[in-house]
Protein backbone atom coordinates (compact mmCIF):
# COMPACT_ATOMS: atom_id res chain seq x y z
CA MET A 1 -11.22 -20.59 36.55
CA GLU A 2 -8.11 -19.95 38.59
CA HIS A 3 -6.70 -16.45 38.06
CA ARG A 4 -3.07 -16.45 37.10
CA PRO A 5 -1.10 -13.17 37.29
CA GLY A 6 -0.01 -11.89 33.88
CA ARG A 7 -2.31 -14.23 31.98
CA ARG A 8 -4.13 -11.43 30.12
CA ARG A 9 -0.86 -9.69 29.29
CA GLY A 10 0.52 -12.95 27.97
CA ILE A 11 -2.47 -13.45 25.66
CA ALA A 12 -2.20 -9.85 24.42
CA ALA A 13 1.53 -10.34 23.79
CA ILE A 14 0.86 -13.43 21.67
CA VAL A 15 -1.76 -11.52 19.64
CA LEU A 16 0.65 -8.62 19.03
CA LEU A 17 3.51 -10.88 18.03
CA VAL A 18 1.34 -12.76 15.55
CA LEU A 19 -0.07 -9.50 14.17
CA GLY A 20 3.41 -8.02 13.73
CA ALA A 21 4.59 -11.11 11.88
CA VAL A 22 1.53 -10.97 9.60
CA ILE A 23 2.15 -7.28 8.79
CA LEU A 24 5.82 -7.86 7.93
CA GLY A 25 4.89 -10.90 5.84
CA GLY A 26 2.25 -8.90 3.98
CA VAL A 27 4.74 -6.12 3.20
CA THR A 28 7.23 -8.66 1.86
CA VAL A 29 4.59 -10.15 -0.42
CA ALA A 30 3.43 -6.69 -1.58
CA LYS A 31 6.99 -5.76 -2.56
CA ALA A 32 7.27 -8.91 -4.66
CA VAL A 33 4.01 -8.23 -6.52
CA ASP A 34 4.24 -6.40 -9.83
CA PRO A 35 2.96 -2.79 -9.73
CA PRO A 36 -0.19 -1.69 -11.61
CA SER A 37 -0.13 -1.80 -15.40
CA ARG A 38 0.35 1.96 -15.70
CA TYR A 39 3.92 1.50 -14.47
CA THR A 40 6.68 -0.02 -16.59
CA ARG A 41 10.06 -1.27 -15.47
CA GLY A 42 13.23 0.39 -16.65
CA GLU A 43 16.94 0.56 -15.93
CA GLN A 44 19.40 3.41 -15.73
CA VAL A 45 22.23 3.13 -18.25
CA GLY A 46 25.37 5.08 -17.51
CA TRP A 47 26.47 7.39 -14.71
CA THR A 48 24.92 10.69 -15.78
CA MET A 49 22.30 10.60 -12.99
CA THR A 50 24.52 9.64 -10.07
CA PRO A 51 24.12 9.76 -7.14
CA THR A 52 20.32 9.65 -7.59
CA TYR A 53 20.43 6.67 -9.97
CA THR A 54 23.49 4.56 -10.67
CA ASN A 55 24.35 2.44 -13.68
CA GLY A 56 22.16 -0.66 -13.89
CA GLU A 57 19.79 0.47 -11.16
CA GLY A 58 16.18 -0.62 -11.68
CA LEU A 59 13.44 2.00 -11.78
CA TYR A 60 9.82 2.51 -12.72
CA LEU A 61 8.29 4.75 -15.34
CA GLU A 62 4.82 6.26 -15.47
CA PRO A 63 3.08 8.48 -18.03
CA VAL A 64 3.66 12.19 -17.67
CA ALA A 65 0.84 13.81 -15.71
CA GLU A 66 -1.58 16.15 -17.41
CA GLY A 67 -0.04 19.60 -17.62
CA GLY A 68 3.41 18.27 -18.42
CA PRO A 69 6.47 17.65 -16.27
CA ARG A 70 7.19 19.81 -13.26
CA ARG A 71 10.38 21.29 -11.86
CA GLY A 72 12.44 18.66 -10.11
CA ASP A 73 10.89 15.72 -11.97
CA VAL A 74 13.25 13.07 -13.30
CA VAL A 75 12.07 12.22 -16.81
CA LEU A 76 12.88 10.10 -19.80
CA ALA A 77 13.12 12.21 -22.94
CA ALA A 78 14.34 12.07 -26.53
CA VAL A 79 17.13 14.65 -26.38
CA PRO A 80 19.27 15.87 -29.29
CA TRP A 81 22.57 15.48 -27.41
CA SER A 82 22.24 11.73 -26.88
CA MET A 83 22.79 8.90 -29.36
CA LYS A 84 20.32 6.81 -27.39
CA LYS A 85 16.63 6.76 -28.17
CA THR A 86 15.84 8.35 -24.81
CA GLN A 87 17.89 9.58 -21.86
CA MET A 88 17.17 10.29 -18.22
CA ASN A 89 17.43 13.91 -17.07
CA ARG A 90 15.99 16.22 -14.44
CA VAL A 91 13.60 19.07 -15.20
CA VAL A 92 15.33 22.16 -13.82
CA ALA A 93 13.05 24.78 -15.38
CA VAL A 94 9.79 24.86 -17.35
CA GLY A 95 8.29 27.15 -19.97
CA GLY A 96 8.37 30.81 -18.92
CA ASP A 97 11.22 30.35 -16.40
CA ARG A 98 14.58 32.10 -16.57
CA ILE A 99 17.43 29.89 -15.49
CA GLN A 100 21.02 31.13 -15.26
CA TYR A 101 24.44 30.41 -13.85
CA LYS A 102 27.56 32.49 -13.45
CA VAL A 103 30.82 30.78 -12.61
CA SER A 104 31.94 33.79 -10.58
CA SER A 105 28.80 33.98 -8.42
CA LYS A 106 28.25 32.30 -5.07
CA VAL A 107 25.25 32.11 -2.76
CA ALA A 108 25.93 31.53 0.94
CA GLY A 109 29.44 30.41 0.08
CA GLN A 110 28.35 27.85 -2.50
CA TYR A 111 27.65 27.95 -6.20
CA ARG A 112 23.98 27.83 -7.16
CA LEU A 113 21.83 28.01 -10.24
CA VAL A 114 19.47 30.97 -10.18
CA LEU A 115 15.85 30.30 -11.12
CA ASN A 116 13.68 33.37 -11.71
CA GLY A 117 16.03 35.45 -9.58
CA THR A 118 16.12 32.97 -6.66
CA PRO A 119 19.04 30.62 -5.83
CA LEU A 120 17.99 27.05 -6.58
CA ASP A 121 18.46 24.43 -3.88
CA GLU A 122 19.59 21.14 -5.43
CA PRO A 123 20.26 18.58 -2.66
CA TYR A 124 20.44 15.75 -5.21
CA LEU A 125 23.71 16.98 -6.77
CA GLU A 126 26.87 14.98 -6.24
CA GLN A 127 29.14 18.00 -6.75
CA TRP A 128 27.73 20.92 -4.79
CA ARG A 129 30.45 23.25 -6.02
CA ASN A 130 29.71 22.60 -9.68
CA PRO A 131 26.01 22.93 -10.58
CA SER A 132 27.23 23.56 -14.13
CA THR A 133 30.50 23.46 -16.01
CA VAL A 134 29.52 26.38 -18.27
CA PRO A 135 27.77 29.72 -17.65
CA PHE A 136 24.36 30.30 -19.22
CA ASN A 137 21.35 32.57 -19.09
CA VAL A 138 18.28 31.09 -20.75
CA LYS A 139 14.63 32.07 -20.98
CA VAL A 140 12.76 28.80 -21.45
CA PRO A 141 10.15 29.06 -24.23
CA LYS A 142 6.57 27.99 -23.59
CA GLY A 143 6.05 24.29 -24.29
CA HIS A 144 9.67 23.47 -23.47
CA VAL A 145 11.64 22.23 -20.49
CA PHE A 146 15.24 22.85 -19.40
CA LEU A 147 16.90 19.48 -18.71
CA MET A 148 20.09 18.71 -16.82
CA ALA A 149 21.51 15.46 -15.42
CA ASP A 150 22.47 15.17 -11.73
CA ASN A 151 26.12 14.33 -12.46
CA ARG A 152 26.91 17.79 -13.81
CA LEU A 153 30.64 17.13 -14.32
CA ASN A 154 30.05 14.13 -16.54
CA SER A 155 26.92 14.78 -18.55
CA ASP A 156 25.40 16.85 -21.32
CA GLY A 157 22.24 18.93 -21.09
CA SER A 158 20.28 22.06 -21.90
CA GLN A 159 22.95 24.22 -20.28
CA PHE A 160 25.08 23.95 -23.40
CA ALA A 161 24.28 26.48 -26.10
CA ASN A 162 24.15 23.90 -28.88
CA ASN A 163 21.50 21.93 -26.98
CA GLY A 164 19.09 24.31 -25.27
CA PRO A 165 15.57 23.59 -23.94
CA VAL A 166 13.68 20.49 -25.13
CA PRO A 167 10.05 20.39 -26.32
CA VAL A 168 7.63 18.92 -23.78
CA ALA A 169 6.47 16.52 -26.50
CA ALA A 170 9.92 14.89 -26.38
CA VAL A 171 9.35 13.81 -22.76
CA THR A 172 8.09 10.23 -22.89
CA ALA A 173 7.79 9.26 -19.22
CA LYS A 174 8.41 10.26 -15.63
CA VAL A 175 10.78 8.26 -13.46
CA VAL A 176 9.27 7.30 -10.11
CA ALA A 177 10.25 5.28 -7.09
CA TYR A 178 8.77 1.82 -6.55
CA PRO A 179 4.99 2.43 -6.37
CA MET A 180 4.72 0.50 -3.10
CA ALA A 181 7.84 2.08 -1.58
CA LYS A 182 6.10 4.41 0.88
CA LEU A 183 3.54 1.78 1.87
CA ALA A 184 6.32 -0.76 2.31
CA VAL A 185 8.34 1.56 4.55
CA TRP A 186 5.36 2.43 6.76
CA GLY A 187 4.24 -1.20 6.81
CA GLN A 188 7.65 -2.40 7.92
CA LEU A 189 7.80 0.27 10.61
CA ALA A 190 4.32 -0.65 11.86
CA GLY A 191 5.18 -4.35 11.90
CA LEU A 192 8.38 -3.76 13.87
CA LEU A 193 6.58 -1.53 16.40
CA VAL A 194 3.86 -4.15 16.91
CA LEU A 195 6.49 -6.86 17.40
CA LEU A 196 8.34 -4.64 19.87
CA ALA A 197 5.14 -3.98 21.83
CA GLY A 198 4.38 -7.71 21.89
CA GLY A 199 7.87 -8.52 23.16
CA VAL A 200 7.66 -5.92 25.94
CA LEU A 201 4.23 -7.16 26.97
CA ALA A 202 5.45 -10.75 27.03
CA PHE A 203 8.38 -9.74 29.26
CA VAL A 204 6.03 -7.90 31.65
CA ALA A 205 3.67 -10.89 31.78
CA ARG A 206 6.54 -13.25 32.54
CA ARG A 207 7.77 -11.06 35.38
CA ALA A 208 4.26 -10.82 36.82
CA ARG A 209 3.99 -14.60 36.88
CA GLY A 210 7.42 -14.87 38.49
CA ARG A 211 6.55 -12.44 41.28
CA ALA A 212 3.16 -14.00 42.13
CA PRO A 213 3.11 -15.99 45.47
CA ARG A 214 2.81 -19.70 44.89
CA PRO A 215 0.10 -21.60 46.86
CA VAL A 216 1.38 -24.06 49.52
CA VAL A 217 0.26 -27.61 48.70
CA LEU A 218 0.36 -30.12 51.53
CA PRO A 219 1.09 -33.81 50.92
CA VAL A 220 -1.97 -36.07 50.71
CA GLN A 221 -1.18 -37.82 54.00
CA ALA A 222 -0.74 -34.51 55.82
CA GLN A 223 -4.03 -33.23 54.42
CA GLY A 224 -5.79 -36.34 55.74
CA SER A 225 -4.28 -35.94 59.19
CA VAL A 226 -5.39 -32.32 59.38
CA ALA A 227 -8.91 -33.22 58.32
CA GLU A 228 -9.16 -36.00 60.97
CA ALA A 229 -7.88 -33.64 63.64
CA GLU A 230 -10.48 -31.03 62.69
CA ARG A 231 -13.30 -33.61 62.87
CA ALA A 232 -12.07 -34.84 66.22
CA ALA A 233 -12.04 -31.31 67.60
CA GLY A 234 -15.57 -30.67 66.34
CA ASP A 235 -17.04 -33.85 67.83
CA GLY A 236 -15.25 -33.61 71.17
CA ASP A 237 -18.45 -32.94 73.24
CA ASP A 238 -20.14 -36.18 72.14
CA VAL A 239 -17.26 -38.52 73.03
CA PRO A 240 -18.05 -40.52 76.29
CA ARG A 241 -15.60 -39.99 79.12
CA PRO A 242 -14.37 -42.85 81.35
CA ALA A 243 -15.93 -42.88 84.82
CA GLY A 244 -13.78 -41.37 87.54
CA PRO A 245 -13.66 -42.10 91.30
CA ALA A 246 -16.25 -39.46 92.07
CA ASP A 247 -18.77 -41.14 89.79
CA GLU A 248 -18.14 -44.58 91.34
CA ARG A 249 -18.83 -43.24 94.84
CA ALA A 250 -22.06 -41.72 93.71
CA ASP A 251 -23.40 -45.13 92.67
CA VAL A 252 -22.76 -46.81 96.09
CA PRO A 253 -26.06 -47.05 98.18
CA SER A 254 -25.92 -45.43 101.54
C-alpha cells in the first residue's frame, strides 16, 4: 500500500472527533434523564434565598443524611416563622454551637457572624455588610439547628428572638444540586478537549499532506518512448552494421 504523509494522523483525528461527539451526546442525554428515585424535584418560592436560589428556580431534594444536617447545608424545614408548610433555609450552626453577631463589630473591615469564637466566612451572602439585621448571641441546644436564609435583609430566621433554633426533626430534606451536575461538567469538558485534540490533529495531517512532494507522472506516450529508447540502448550490440568500404576491399581476391 502506498504510504501517504499524514494518513495516520488523519485517521486518529477522525477517531477523536467521533469520540468527542459521542461524549458530548452522552452528557446531553444524561442531563435529560431523571435522577435516581431518592431525589425529588422541587422549586424555590420567593426571594429569601437569593442569590443562591431565585424565585421559581428548580432544585432537587434528598433525605437528610444520618447524623442530621451539617453547617452550611441548605435544607427544607417546617419553621414557626413561615406560613408555608416548609421553607428553605441554611444551617448556620448546629447543636452545641454558639453563634453571635454584634452590629458594632467588624472583622477585617467587614461584618461577620461569629461561630464558636471564630468569624464565619459566608461567600453565599448577597449583602456582605449585613449578615444580620439584628444582634444576637445564642447557644444552640442539642438536637436543634440555627437556620438563616441567604437574603438576610429580606427574610426571617433563627436570629430573631421570637424564633430561635429549630428542632432537627423539623428538617424534612436537604437541597442539592442536580445529581449529575459534576459528571455533566466534567463530561462536557472532556468532550470539548477531545474535539479540540481531533481538530488540531486533523489540521496537522492536512498540512503534512500539503507539504509532501508529489510524484511526477509522465504521459502514456512519453512513457512508451522512454521504454523503447531503453530497449534500443540495451540491444545495441546485436544490431547488424552496414558494410563499409574497408569490408568490401577485404572480400576482393588478390
